[in-house]
Amino acid sequence: MFFNKVKSIKKEKIIGGILTGFVLFIAYFTQTWGLYYTTPGKNAFLSGLYCAFVPFCAWFFYKKKPENYHFVAAFLTLIGIGFVSLDSSLTMEIGDILTIGSSVLYAFHIIVFNEEQL
């Protein structure tokens, strides 16, 4: 039924789809791995940090500097991470670090996905 449309898909779109899916898989895997070593509440909060990371990933890939309020938001986010993740000895657990890594991967996924939409 859709064979003609499938035949007309360009190789670049297939490679882009594979890259996008792979980045999302690694982000999910890292988040789940981090959940094994931290609490669900911390994991949920830290997973949402991708919102603060997207403008900086866009800066890295598209060379478009974020606006000043992005820097303020990132600073406040770092303070929030400190309150949530640091323990009494001012260290982070491995689960927190993995979950923050997954947030960066989610932000990267958004950038890659948007690149595919262009």
PDB file of N, CA and C in Angstrom:
ATOM      1  N   MET A   1       0.809  -1.184   0.000  1.00  0.00           N
ATOM      2  CA  MET A   1       0.000   0.000   0.000  1.00  0.00           C
ATOM      3  C   MET A   1       0.864   1.265   0.000  1.00  0.00           C
ATOM      4  N   PHE A   2       1.954   1.247   0.768  1.00  0.00           N
ATOM      5  CA  PHE A   2       2.826   2.413   0.848  1.00  0.00           C
ATOM      6  C   PHE A   2       4.171   2.159   0.170  1.00  0.00           C
ATOM      7  N   PHE A   3       4.266   1.126  -0.639  1.00  0.00           N
ATOM      8  CA  PHE A   3       5.539   0.740  -1.221  1.00  0.00           C
ATOM      9  C   PHE A   3       6.160   1.867  -2.037  1.00  0.00           C
ATOM     10  N   ASN A   4       5.357   2.600  -2.803  1.00  0.00           N
ATOM     11  CA  ASN A   4       5.904   3.697  -3.616  1.00  0.00           C
ATOM     12  C   ASN A   4       6.512   4.792  -2.745  1.00  0.00           C
ATOM     13  N   LYS A   5       5.882   5.080  -1.609  1.00  0.00           N
ATOM     14  CA  LYS A   5       6.436   6.097  -0.708  1.00  0.00           C
ATOM     15  C   LYS A   5       7.704   5.592  -0.040  1.00  0.00           C
ATOM     16  N   VAL A   6       7.742   4.318   0.321  1.00  0.00           N
ATOM     17  CA  VAL A   6       8.933   3.750   0.951  1.00  0.00           C
ATOM     18  C   VAL A   6      10.092   3.745  -0.031  1.00  0.00           C
ATOM     19  N   LYS A   7       9.827   3.446  -1.285  1.00  0.00           N
ATOM     20  CA  LYS A   7      10.880   3.444  -2.302  1.00  0.00           C
ATOM     21  C   LYS A   7      11.490   4.821  -2.502  1.00  0.00           C
ATOM     22  N   SER A   8      10.708   5.869  -2.283  1.00  0.00           N
ATOM     23  CA  SER A   8      11.203   7.218  -2.571  1.00  0.00           C
ATOM     24  C   SER A   8      11.925   7.866  -1.385  1.00  0.00           C
ATOM     25  N   ILE A   9      12.052   7.168  -0.277  1.00  0.00           N
ATOM     26  CA  ILE A   9      12.755   7.732   0.871  1.00  0.00           C
ATOM     27  C   ILE A   9      14.246   7.834   0.541  1.00  0.00           C
ATOM     28  N   LYS A  10      14.810   8.985   0.816  1.00  0.00           N
ATOM     29  CA  LYS A  10      16.229   9.210   0.517  1.00  0.00           C
ATOM     30  C   LYS A  10      17.098   8.568   1.587  1.00  0.00           C
ATOM     31  N   LYS A  11      18.289   8.193   1.195  1.00  0.00           N
ATOM     32  CA  LYS A  11      19.247   7.550   2.094  1.00  0.00           C
ATOM     33  C   LYS A  11      19.589   8.442   3.282  1.00  0.00           C
ATOM     34  N   GLU A  12      19.693   9.749   3.057  1.00  0.00           N
ATOM     35  CA  GLU A  12      20.018  10.678   4.129  1.00  0.00           C
ATOM     36  C   GLU A  12      18.950  10.672   5.221  1.00  0.00           C
ATOM     37  N   LYS A  13      17.680  10.560   4.824  1.00  0.00           N
ATOM     38  CA  LYS A  13      16.589  10.524   5.799  1.00  0.00           C
ATOM     39  C   LYS A  13      16.640   9.239   6.626  1.00  0.00           C
ATOM     40  N   ILE A  14      16.990   8.132   6.012  1.00  0.00           N
ATOM     41  CA  ILE A  14      17.097   6.866   6.741  1.00  0.00           C
ATOM     42  C   ILE A  14      18.242   6.940   7.748  1.00  0.00           C
ATOM     43  N   ILE A  15      19.374   7.465   7.330  1.00  0.00           N
ATOM     44  CA  ILE A  15      20.519   7.609   8.237  1.00  0.00           C
ATOM     45  C   ILE A  15      20.176   8.570   9.370  1.00  0.00           C
ATOM     46  N   GLY A  16      19.497   9.667   9.051  1.00  0.00           N
ATOM     47  CA  GLY A  16      19.073  10.615  10.075  1.00  0.00           C
ATOM     48  C   GLY A  16      18.104   9.992  11.071  1.00  0.00           C
ATOM     49  N   GLY A  17      17.187   9.180  10.578  1.00  0.00           N
ATOM     50  CA  GLY A  17      16.248   8.494  11.469  1.00  0.00           C
ATOM     51  C   GLY A  17      16.942   7.500  12.380  1.00  0.00           C
ATOM     52  N   ILE A  18      17.917   6.798  11.834  1.00  0.00           N
ATOM     53  CA  ILE A  18      18.683   5.848  12.650  1.00  0.00           C
ATOM     54  C   ILE A  18      19.475   6.593  13.718  1.00  0.00           C
ATOM     55  N   LEU A  19      20.100   7.704  13.353  1.00  0.00           N
ATOM     56  CA  LEU A  19      20.862   8.504  14.319  1.00  0.00           C
ATOM     57  C   LEU A  19      19.951   9.050  15.411  1.00  0.00           C
ATOM     58  N   THR A  20      18.805   9.572  15.017  1.00  0.00           N
ATOM     59  CA  THR A  20      17.865  10.116  15.988  1.00  0.00           C
ATOM     60  C   THR A  20      17.383   9.030  16.949  1.00  0.00           C
ATOM     61  N   GLY A  21      17.021   7.879  16.414  1.00  0.00           N
ATOM     62  CA  GLY A  21      16.570   6.770  17.257  1.00  0.00           C
ATOM     63  C   GLY A  21      17.661   6.256  18.171  1.00  0.00           C
ATOM     64  N   PHE A  22      18.886   6.202  17.668  1.00  0.00           N
ATOM     65  CA  PHE A  22      20.000   5.719  18.478  1.00  0.00           C
ATOM     66  C   PHE A  22      20.269   6.658  19.655  1.00  0.00           C
ATOM     67  N   VAL A  23      20.250   7.961  19.401  1.00  0.00           N
ATOM     68  CA  VAL A  23      20.482   8.932  20.480  1.00  0.00           C
ATOM     69  C   VAL A  23      19.376   8.820  21.524  1.00  0.00           C
ATOM     70  N   LEU A  24      18.127   8.657  21.086  1.00  0.00           N
ATOM     71  CA  LEU A  24      17.028   8.519  22.036  1.00  0.00           C
ATOM     72  C   LEU A  24      17.166   7.226  22.846  1.00  0.00           C
ATOM     73  N   PHE A  25      17.573   6.136  22.196  1.00  0.00           N
ATOM     74  CA  PHE A  25      17.782   4.877  22.912  1.00  0.00           C
ATOM     75  C   PHE A  25      18.858   5.033  23.986  1.00  0.00           C
ATOM     76  N   ILE A  26      19.976   5.648  23.645  1.00  0.00           N
ATOM     77  CA  ILE A  26      21.057   5.836  24.611  1.00  0.00           C
ATOM     78  C   ILE A  26      20.599   6.730  25.762  1.00  0.00           C
ATOM     79  N   ALA A  27      19.786   7.755  25.466  1.00  0.00           N
ATOM     80  CA  ALA A  27      19.268   8.628  26.524  1.00  0.00           C
ATOM     81  C   ALA A  27      18.368   7.851  27.478  1.00  0.00           C
ATOM     82  N   TYR A  28      17.451   7.043  26.931  1.00  0.00           N
ATOM     83  CA  TYR A  28      16.576   6.226  27.783  1.00  0.00           C
ATOM     84  C   TYR A  28      17.389   5.229  28.601  1.00  0.00           C
ATOM     85  N   PHE A  29      18.344   4.590  27.957  1.00  0.00           N
ATOM     86  CA  PHE A  29      19.165   3.591  28.641  1.00  0.00           C
ATOM     87  C   PHE A  29      19.933   4.230  29.803  1.00  0.00           C
ATOM     88  N   THR A  30      20.531   5.392  29.558  1.00  0.00           N
ATOM     89  CA  THR A  30      21.307   6.071  30.590  1.00  0.00           C
ATOM     90  C   THR A  30      20.414   6.534  31.735  1.00  0.00           C
ATOM     91  N   GLN A  31      19.219   7.010  31.412  1.00  0.00           N
ATOM     92  CA  GLN A  31      18.295   7.431  32.457  1.00  0.00           C
ATOM     93  C   GLN A  31      17.879   6.233  33.321  1.00  0.00           C
ATOM     94  N   THR A  32      17.580   5.117  32.693  1.00  0.00           N
ATOM     95  CA  THR A  32      17.170   3.923  33.439  1.00  0.00           C
ATOM     96  C   THR A  32      18.314   3.380  34.269  1.00  0.00           C
ATOM     97  N   TRP A  33      19.503   3.422  33.729  1.00  0.00           N
ATOM     98  CA  TRP A  33      20.697   2.976  34.460  1.00  0.00           C
ATOM     99  C   TRP A  33      20.916   3.874  35.676  1.00  0.00           C
ATOM    100  N   GLY A  34      20.745   5.190  35.490  1.00  0.00           N
ATOM    101  CA  GLY A  34      20.881   6.119  36.606  1.00  0.00           C
ATOM    102  C   GLY A  34      19.820   5.899  37.670  1.00  0.00           C
ATOM    103  N   LEU A  35      18.615   5.521  37.256  1.00  0.00           N
ATOM    104  CA  LEU A  35      17.534   5.263  38.208  1.00  0.00           C
ATOM    105  C   LEU A  35      17.864   4.100  39.129  1.00  0.00           C
ATOM    106  N   TYR A  36      18.636   3.163  38.644  1.00  0.00           N
ATOM    107  CA  TYR A  36      19.035   2.024  39.464  1.00  0.00           C
ATOM    108  C   TYR A  36      19.860   2.479  40.674  1.00  0.00           C
ATOM    109  N   TYR A  37      20.602   3.583  40.529  1.00  0.00           N
ATOM    110  CA  TYR A  37      21.524   4.048  41.568  1.00  0.00           C
ATOM    111  C   TYR A  37      21.054   5.296  42.315  1.00  0.00           C
ATOM    112  N   THR A  38      19.860   5.797  42.032  1.00  0.00           N
ATOM    113  CA  THR A  38      19.372   6.991  42.719  1.00  0.00           C
ATOM    114  C   THR A  38      17.884   6.841  42.991  1.00  0.00           C
ATOM    115  N   THR A  39      17.309   7.835  43.617  1.00  0.00           N
ATOM    116  CA  THR A  39      15.887   7.765  43.941  1.00  0.00           C
ATOM    117  C   THR A  39      15.042   8.210  42.740  1.00  0.00           C
ATOM    118  N   PRO A  40      13.812   7.742  42.659  1.00  0.00           N
ATOM    119  CA  PRO A  40      12.957   8.153  41.533  1.00  0.00           C
ATOM    120  C   PRO A  40      12.714   9.661  41.478  1.00  0.00           C
ATOM    121  N   GLY A  41      12.575  10.313  42.634  1.00  0.00           N
ATOM    122  CA  GLY A  41      12.356  11.756  42.641  1.00  0.00           C
ATOM    123  C   GLY A  41      13.533  12.530  42.076  1.00  0.00           C
ATOM    124  N   LYS A  42      14.738  12.158  42.499  1.00  0.00           N
ATOM    125  CA  LYS A  42      15.936  12.823  41.973  1.00  0.00           C
ATOM    126  C   LYS A  42      16.073  12.550  40.485  1.00  0.00           C
ATOM    127  N   ASN A  43      15.787  11.311  40.081  1.00  0.00           N
ATOM    128  CA  ASN A  43      15.895  10.946  38.674  1.00  0.00           C
ATOM    129  C   ASN A  43      14.923  11.774  37.839  1.00  0.00           C
ATOM    130  N   ALA A  44      13.707  11.939  38.328  1.00  0.00           N
ATOM    131  CA  ALA A  44      12.714  12.706  37.575  1.00  0.00           C
ATOM    132  C   ALA A  44      13.116  14.175  37.459  1.00  0.00           C
ATOM    133  N   PHE A  45      13.580  14.766  38.561  1.00  0.00           N
ATOM    134  CA  PHE A  45      13.999  16.168  38.521  1.00  0.00           C
ATOM    135  C   PHE A  45      15.180  16.354  37.578  1.00  0.00           C
ATOM    136  N   LEU A  46      16.175  15.512  37.715  1.00  0.00           N
ATOM    137  CA  LEU A  46      17.382  15.659  36.902  1.00  0.00           C
ATOM    138  C   LEU A  46      17.119  15.349  35.432  1.00  0.00           C
ATOM    139  N   SER A  47      16.163  14.485  35.153  1.00  0.00           N
ATOM    140  CA  SER A  47      15.826  14.196  33.751  1.00  0.00           C
ATOM    141  C   SER A  47      15.209  15.407  33.063  1.00  0.00           C
ATOM    142  N   GLY A  48      14.522  16.229  33.810  1.00  0.00           N
ATOM    143  CA  GLY A  48      13.900  17.415  33.241  1.00  0.00           C
ATOM    144  C   GLY A  48      14.870  18.544  32.944  1.00  0.00           C
ATOM    145  N   LEU A  49      16.115  18.360  33.274  1.00  0.00           N
ATOM    146  CA  LEU A  49      17.107  19.408  33.031  1.00  0.00           C
ATOM    147  C   LEU A  49      17.426  19.599  31.552  1.00  0.00           C
ATOM    148  N   TYR A  50      16.945  18.692  30.709  1.00  0.00           N
ATOM    149  CA  TYR A  50      17.213  18.849  29.283  1.00  0.00           C
ATOM    150  C   TYR A  50      16.709  20.203  28.784  1.00  0.00           C
ATOM    151  N   CYS A  51      15.678  20.728  29.431  1.00  0.00           N
ATOM    152  CA  CYS A  51      15.147  22.041  29.014  1.00  0.00           C
ATOM    153  C   CYS A  51      16.202  23.135  29.129  1.00  0.00           C
ATOM    154  N   ALA A  52      17.031  23.042  30.150  1.00  0.00           N
ATOM    155  CA  ALA A  52      18.088  24.040  30.326  1.00  0.00           C
ATOM    156  C   ALA A  52      19.270  23.781  29.395  1.00  0.00           C
ATOM    157  N   PHE A  53      19.435  22.529  28.966  1.00  0.00           N
ATOM    158  CA  PHE A  53      20.592  22.177  28.139  1.00  0.00           C
ATOM    159  C   PHE A  53      20.367  22.429  26.650  1.00  0.00           C
ATOM    160  N   VAL A  54      19.122  22.464  26.190  1.00  0.00           N
ATOM    161  CA  VAL A  54      18.851  22.605  24.753  1.00  0.00           C
ATOM    162  C   VAL A  54      19.454  23.875  24.163  1.00  0.00           C
ATOM    163  N   PRO A  55      19.294  25.064  24.782  1.00  0.00           N
ATOM    164  CA  PRO A  55      19.894  26.258  24.157  1.00  0.00           C
ATOM    165  C   PRO A  55      21.418  26.173  24.020  1.00  0.00           C
ATOM    166  N   PHE A  56      22.056  25.490  24.955  1.00  0.00           N
ATOM    167  CA  PHE A  56      23.517  25.396  24.894  1.00  0.00           C
ATOM    168  C   PHE A  56      23.969  24.354  23.870  1.00  0.00           C
ATOM    169  N   CYS A  57      23.182  23.304  23.699  1.00  0.00           N
ATOM    170  CA  CYS A  57      23.474  22.361  22.610  1.00  0.00           C
ATOM    171  C   CYS A  57      23.270  23.037  21.258  1.00  0.00           C
ATOM    172  N   ALA A  58      22.234  23.863  21.159  1.00  0.00           N
ATOM    173  CA  ALA A  58      22.007  24.610  19.922  1.00  0.00           C
ATOM    174  C   ALA A  58      23.150  25.583  19.663  1.00  0.00           C
ATOM    175  N   TRP A  59      23.684  26.169  20.714  1.00  0.00           N
ATOM    176  CA  TRP A  59      24.833  27.064  20.581  1.00  0.00           C
ATOM    177  C   TRP A  59      26.027  26.293  20.028  1.00  0.00           C
ATOM    178  N   PHE A  60      26.225  25.093  20.541  1.00  0.00           N
ATOM    179  CA  PHE A  60      27.347  24.271  20.100  1.00  0.00           C
ATOM    180  C   PHE A  60      27.195  23.864  18.632  1.00  0.00           C
ATOM    181  N   PHE A  61      25.997  23.466  18.219  1.00  0.00           N
ATOM    182  CA  PHE A  61      25.799  22.944  16.863  1.00  0.00           C
ATOM    183  C   PHE A  61      25.504  24.029  15.838  1.00  0.00           C
ATOM    184  N   TYR A  62      24.722  25.035  16.218  1.00  0.00           N
ATOM    185  CA  TYR A  62      24.281  26.048  15.256  1.00  0.00           C
ATOM    186  C   TYR A  62      25.004  27.376  15.377  1.00  0.00           C
ATOM    187  N   LYS A  63      25.884  27.506  16.372  1.00  0.00           N
ATOM    188  CA  LYS A  63      26.674  28.726  16.600  1.00  0.00           C
ATOM    189  C   LYS A  63      25.776  29.940  16.865  1.00  0.00           C
ATOM    190  N   LYS A  64      24.590  29.702  17.440  1.00  0.00           N
ATOM    191  CA  LYS A  64      23.682  30.782  17.814  1.00  0.00           C
ATOM    192  C   LYS A  64      23.716  30.917  19.326  1.00  0.00           C
ATOM    193  N   LYS A  65      24.312  32.011  19.782  1.00  0.00           N
ATOM    194  CA  LYS A  65      24.489  32.218  21.217  1.00  0.00           C
ATOM    195  C   LYS A  65      23.138  32.354  21.911  1.00  0.00           C
ATOM    196  N   PRO A  66      22.966  31.666  23.044  1.00  0.00           N
ATOM    197  CA  PRO A  66      21.714  31.810  23.800  1.00  0.00           C
ATOM    198  C   PRO A  66      21.554  33.234  24.342  1.00  0.00           C
ATOM    199  N   GLU A  67      20.318  33.587  24.605  1.00  0.00           N
ATOM    200  CA  GLU A  67      20.052  34.908  25.164  1.00  0.00           C
ATOM    201  C   GLU A  67      20.442  34.920  26.639  1.00  0.00           C
ATOM    202  N   ASN A  68      20.526  36.112  27.206  1.00  0.00           N
ATOM    203  CA  ASN A  68      20.995  36.263  28.585  1.00  0.00           C
ATOM    204  C   ASN A  68      20.150  35.487  29.591  1.00  0.00           C
ATOM    205  N   TYR A  69      18.840  35.443  29.366  1.00  0.00           N
ATOM    206  CA  TYR A  69      18.006  34.735  30.341  1.00  0.00           C
ATOM    207  C   TYR A  69      18.267  33.230  30.331  1.00  0.00           C
ATOM    208  N   HIS A  70      18.809  32.693  29.237  1.00  0.00           N
ATOM    209  CA  HIS A  70      19.205  31.288  29.225  1.00  0.00           C
ATOM    210  C   HIS A  70      20.351  31.037  30.208  1.00  0.00           C
ATOM    211  N   PHE A  71      21.278  31.991  30.273  1.00  0.00           N
ATOM    212  CA  PHE A  71      22.394  31.847  31.209  1.00  0.00           C
ATOM    213  C   PHE A  71      21.909  31.943  32.656  1.00  0.00           C
ATOM    214  N   VAL A  72      20.963  32.847  32.908  1.00  0.00           N
ATOM    215  CA  VAL A  72      20.395  32.963  34.254  1.00  0.00           C
ATOM    216  C   VAL A  72      19.668  31.678  34.623  1.00  0.00           C
ATOM    217  N   ALA A  73      18.871  31.160  33.690  1.00  0.00           N
ATOM    218  CA  ALA A  73      18.141  29.916  33.946  1.00  0.00           C
ATOM    219  C   ALA A  73      19.100  28.757  34.188  1.00  0.00           C
ATOM    220  N   ALA A  74      20.188  28.705  33.439  1.00  0.00           N
ATOM    221  CA  ALA A  74      21.168  27.629  33.637  1.00  0.00           C
ATOM    222  C   ALA A  74      21.829  27.742  35.008  1.00  0.00           C
ATOM    223  N   PHE A  75      22.119  28.959  35.437  1.00  0.00           N
ATOM    224  CA  PHE A  75      22.710  29.154  36.758  1.00  0.00           C
ATOM    225  C   PHE A  75      21.752  28.711  37.861  1.00  0.00           C
ATOM    226  N   LEU A  76      20.481  29.104  37.736  1.00  0.00           N
ATOM    227  CA  LEU A  76      19.487  28.682  38.721  1.00  0.00           C
ATOM    228  C   LEU A  76      19.301  27.157  38.694  1.00  0.00           C
ATOM    229  N   THR A  77      19.411  26.577  37.523  1.00  0.00           N
ATOM    230  CA  THR A  77      19.318  25.125  37.396  1.00  0.00           C
ATOM    231  C   THR A  77      20.469  24.448  38.121  1.00  0.00           C
ATOM    232  N   LEU A  78      21.657  24.999  37.988  1.00  0.00           N
ATOM    233  CA  LEU A  78      22.809  24.434  38.703  1.00  0.00           C
ATOM    234  C   LEU A  78      22.616  24.498  40.212  1.00  0.00           C
ATOM    235  N   ILE A  79      22.032  25.589  40.680  1.00  0.00           N
ATOM    236  CA  ILE A  79      21.740  25.689  42.117  1.00  0.00           C
ATOM    237  C   ILE A  79      20.730  24.609  42.512  1.00  0.00           C
ATOM    238  N   GLY A  80      19.706  24.415  41.684  1.00  0.00           N
ATOM    239  CA  GLY A  80      18.717  23.375  41.956  1.00  0.00           C
ATOM    240  C   GLY A  80      19.316  21.985  41.961  1.00  0.00           C
ATOM    241  N   ILE A  81      20.224  21.732  41.031  1.00  0.00           N
ATOM    242  CA  ILE A  81      20.915  20.439  41.000  1.00  0.00           C
ATOM    243  C   ILE A  81      21.691  20.238  42.298  1.00  0.00           C
ATOM    244  N   GLY A  82      22.334  21.294  42.747  1.00  0.00           N
ATOM    245  CA  GLY A  82      23.085  21.190  43.989  1.00  0.00           C
ATOM    246  C   GLY A  82      22.204  20.850  45.176  1.00  0.00           C
ATOM    247  N   PHE A  83      21.064  21.524  45.266  1.00  0.00           N
ATOM    248  CA  PHE A  83      20.153  21.245  46.383  1.00  0.00           C
ATOM    249  C   PHE A  83      19.597  19.824  46.327  1.00  0.00           C
ATOM    250  N   VAL A  84      19.334  19.346  45.147  1.00  0.00           N
ATOM    251  CA  VAL A  84      18.714  18.026  45.011  1.00  0.00           C
ATOM    252  C   VAL A  84      19.738  16.903  45.083  1.00  0.00           C
ATOM    253  N   SER A  85      20.893  17.093  44.491  1.00  0.00           N
ATOM    254  CA  SER A  85      21.812  15.974  44.289  1.00  0.00           C
ATOM    255  C   SER A  85      22.961  15.878  45.278  1.00  0.00           C
ATOM    256  N   LEU A  86      23.449  16.993  45.773  1.00  0.00           N
ATOM    257  CA  LEU A  86      24.621  16.926  46.639  1.00  0.00           C
ATOM    258  C   LEU A  86      24.237  16.398  48.013  1.00  0.00           C
ATOM    259  N   ASP A  87      25.072  15.523  48.533  1.00  0.00           N
ATOM    260  CA  ASP A  87      24.825  15.034  49.889  1.00  0.00           C
ATOM    261  C   ASP A  87      25.653  15.851  50.880  1.00  0.00           C
ATOM    262  N   SER A  88      25.712  15.424  52.112  1.00  0.00           N
ATOM    263  CA  SER A  88      26.382  16.210  53.148  1.00  0.00           C
ATOM    264  C   SER A  88      27.883  16.380  52.898  1.00  0.00           C
ATOM    265  N   SER A  89      28.478  15.466  52.168  1.00  0.00           N
ATOM    266  CA  SER A  89      29.911  15.590  51.856  1.00  0.00           C
ATOM    267  C   SER A  89      30.151  16.314  50.529  1.00  0.00           C
ATOM    268  N   LEU A  90      29.095  16.931  49.983  1.00  0.00           N
ATOM    269  CA  LEU A  90      29.166  17.681  48.721  1.00  0.00           C
ATOM    270  C   LEU A  90      29.626  16.822  47.549  1.00  0.00           C
ATOM    271  N   THR A  91      29.166  15.590  47.513  1.00  0.00           N
ATOM    272  CA  THR A  91      29.440  14.701  46.384  1.00  0.00           C
ATOM    273  C   THR A  91      28.117  14.244  45.795  1.00  0.00           C
ATOM    274  N   MET A  92      28.197  13.777  44.571  1.00  0.00           N
ATOM    275  CA  MET A  92      27.012  13.265  43.886  1.00  0.00           C
ATOM    276  C   MET A  92      27.136  11.755  43.750  1.00  0.00           C
ATOM    277  N   GLU A  93      25.998  11.094  43.731  1.00  0.00           N
ATOM    278  CA  GLU A  93      25.985   9.659  43.500  1.00  0.00           C
ATOM    279  C   GLU A  93      26.133   9.391  42.014  1.00  0.00           C
ATOM    280  N   ILE A  94      26.555   8.194  41.674  1.00  0.00           N
ATOM    281  CA  ILE A  94      26.736   7.820  40.271  1.00  0.00           C
ATOM    282  C   ILE A  94      25.414   7.885  39.520  1.00  0.00           C
ATOM    283  N   GLY A  95      24.306   7.555  40.203  1.00  0.00           N
ATOM    284  CA  GLY A  95      23.000   7.622  39.551  1.00  0.00           C
ATOM    285  C   GLY A  95      22.627   9.031  39.139  1.00  0.00           C
ATOM    286  N   ASP A  96      22.996  10.013  39.964  1.00  0.00           N
ATOM    287  CA  ASP A  96      22.720  11.410  39.626  1.00  0.00           C
ATOM    288  C   ASP A  96      23.528  11.840  38.408  1.00  0.00           C
ATOM    289  N   ILE A  97      24.762  11.429  38.358  1.00  0.00           N
ATOM    290  CA  ILE A  97      25.623  11.786  37.225  1.00  0.00           C
ATOM    291  C   ILE A  97      25.114  11.141  35.936  1.00  0.00           C
ATOM    292  N   LEU A  98      24.710   9.874  36.018  1.00  0.00           N
ATOM    293  CA  LEU A  98      24.156   9.204  34.839  1.00  0.00           C
ATOM    294  C   LEU A  98      22.868   9.880  34.375  1.00  0.00           C
ATOM    295  N   THR A  99      22.038  10.286  35.310  1.00  0.00           N
ATOM    296  CA  THR A  99      20.781  10.929  34.947  1.00  0.00           C
ATOM    297  C   THR A  99      21.021  12.299  34.322  1.00  0.00           C
ATOM    298  N   ILE A 100      21.975  13.049  34.829  1.00  0.00           N
ATOM    299  CA  ILE A 100      22.322  14.328  34.202  1.00  0.00           C
ATOM    300  C   ILE A 100      22.868  14.081  32.795  1.00  0.00           C
ATOM    301  N   GLY A 101      23.648  13.027  32.642  1.00  0.00           N
ATOM    302  CA  GLY A 101      24.124  12.659  31.307  1.00  0.00           C
ATOM    303  C   GLY A 101      22.975  12.343  30.366  1.00  0.00           C
ATOM    304  N   SER A 102      21.946  11.673  30.882  1.00  0.00           N
ATOM    305  CA  SER A 102      20.790  11.379  30.033  1.00  0.00           C
ATOM    306  C   SER A 102      20.064  12.664  29.643  1.00  0.00           C
ATOM    307  N   SER A 103      20.061  13.656  30.525  1.00  0.00           N
ATOM    308  CA  SER A 103      19.441  14.949  30.187  1.00  0.00           C
ATOM    309  C   SER A 103      20.175  15.622  29.036  1.00  0.00           C
ATOM    310  N   VAL A 104      21.483  15.535  29.051  1.00  0.00           N
ATOM    311  CA  VAL A 104      22.265  16.096  27.945  1.00  0.00           C
ATOM    312  C   VAL A 104      21.950  15.339  26.654  1.00  0.00           C
ATOM    313  N   LEU A 105      21.804  14.028  26.757  1.00  0.00           N
ATOM    314  CA  LEU A 105      21.463  13.234  25.574  1.00  0.00           C
ATOM    315  C   LEU A 105      20.067  13.558  25.062  1.00  0.00           C
ATOM    316  N   TYR A 106      19.119  13.813  25.958  1.00  0.00           N
ATOM    317  CA  TYR A 106      17.778  14.235  25.517  1.00  0.00           C
ATOM    318  C   TYR A 106      17.859  15.565  24.779  1.00  0.00           C
ATOM    319  N   ALA A 107      18.660  16.487  25.280  1.00  0.00           N
ATOM    320  CA  ALA A 107      18.832  17.774  24.605  1.00  0.00           C
ATOM    321  C   ALA A 107      19.466  17.570  23.236  1.00  0.00           C
ATOM    322  N   PHE A 108      20.452  16.692  23.167  1.00  0.00           N
ATOM    323  CA  PHE A 108      21.089  16.380  21.884  1.00  0.00           C
ATOM    324  C   PHE A 108      20.077  15.751  20.935  1.00  0.00           C
ATOM    325  N   HIS A 109      19.209  14.892  21.456  1.00  0.00           N
ATOM    326  CA  HIS A 109      18.175  14.276  20.627  1.00  0.00           C
ATOM    327  C   HIS A 109      17.258  15.335  20.022  1.00  0.00           C
ATOM    328  N   ILE A 110      16.893  16.328  20.805  1.00  0.00           N
ATOM    329  CA  ILE A 110      16.039  17.403  20.288  1.00  0.00           C
ATOM    330  C   ILE A 110      16.746  18.152  19.163  1.00  0.00           C
ATOM    331  N   ILE A 111      18.027  18.414  19.335  1.00  0.00           N
ATOM    332  CA  ILE A 111      18.794  19.112  18.299  1.00  0.00           C
ATOM    333  C   ILE A 111      18.884  18.259  17.034  1.00  0.00           C
ATOM    334  N   VAL A 112      19.177  16.971  17.190  1.00  0.00           N
ATOM    335  CA  VAL A 112      19.285  16.080  16.026  1.00  0.00           C
ATOM    336  C   VAL A 112      17.935  15.960  15.335  1.00  0.00           C
ATOM    337  N   PHE A 113      16.866  15.818  16.114  1.00  0.00           N
ATOM    338  CA  PHE A 113      15.531  15.683  15.528  1.00  0.00           C
ATOM    339  C   PHE A 113      15.152  16.937  14.768  1.00  0.00           C
ATOM    340  N   ASN A 114      15.442  18.092  15.327  1.00  0.00           N
ATOM    341  CA  ASN A 114      15.125  19.344  14.637  1.00  0.00           C
ATOM    342  C   ASN A 114      15.952  19.498  13.381  1.00  0.00           C
ATOM    343  N   GLU A 115      17.165  19.011  13.389  1.00  0.00           N
ATOM    344  CA  GLU A 115      18.005  19.050  12.181  1.00  0.00           C
ATOM    345  C   GLU A 115      17.363  18.211  11.077  1.00  0.00           C
ATOM    346  N   GLU A 116      16.779  17.089  11.466  1.00  0.00           N
ATOM    347  CA  GLU A 116      16.121  16.222  10.492  1.00  0.00           C
ATOM    348  C   GLU A 116      14.877  16.881   9.911  1.00  0.00           C
ATOM    349  N   GLN A 117      14.254  17.779  10.640  1.00  0.00           N
ATOM    350  CA  GLN A 117      13.033  18.435  10.175  1.00  0.00           C
ATOM    351  C   GLN A 117      13.328  19.561   9.203  1.00  0.00           C
ATOM    352  N   LEU A 118      14.582  20.008   9.143  1.00  0.00           N
ATOM    353  CA  LEU A 118      14.924  21.130   8.244  1.00  0.00           C
ATOM    354  C   LEU A 118      14.947  20.699   6.801  1.00  0.00           C
TER     355      LEU A 118
END
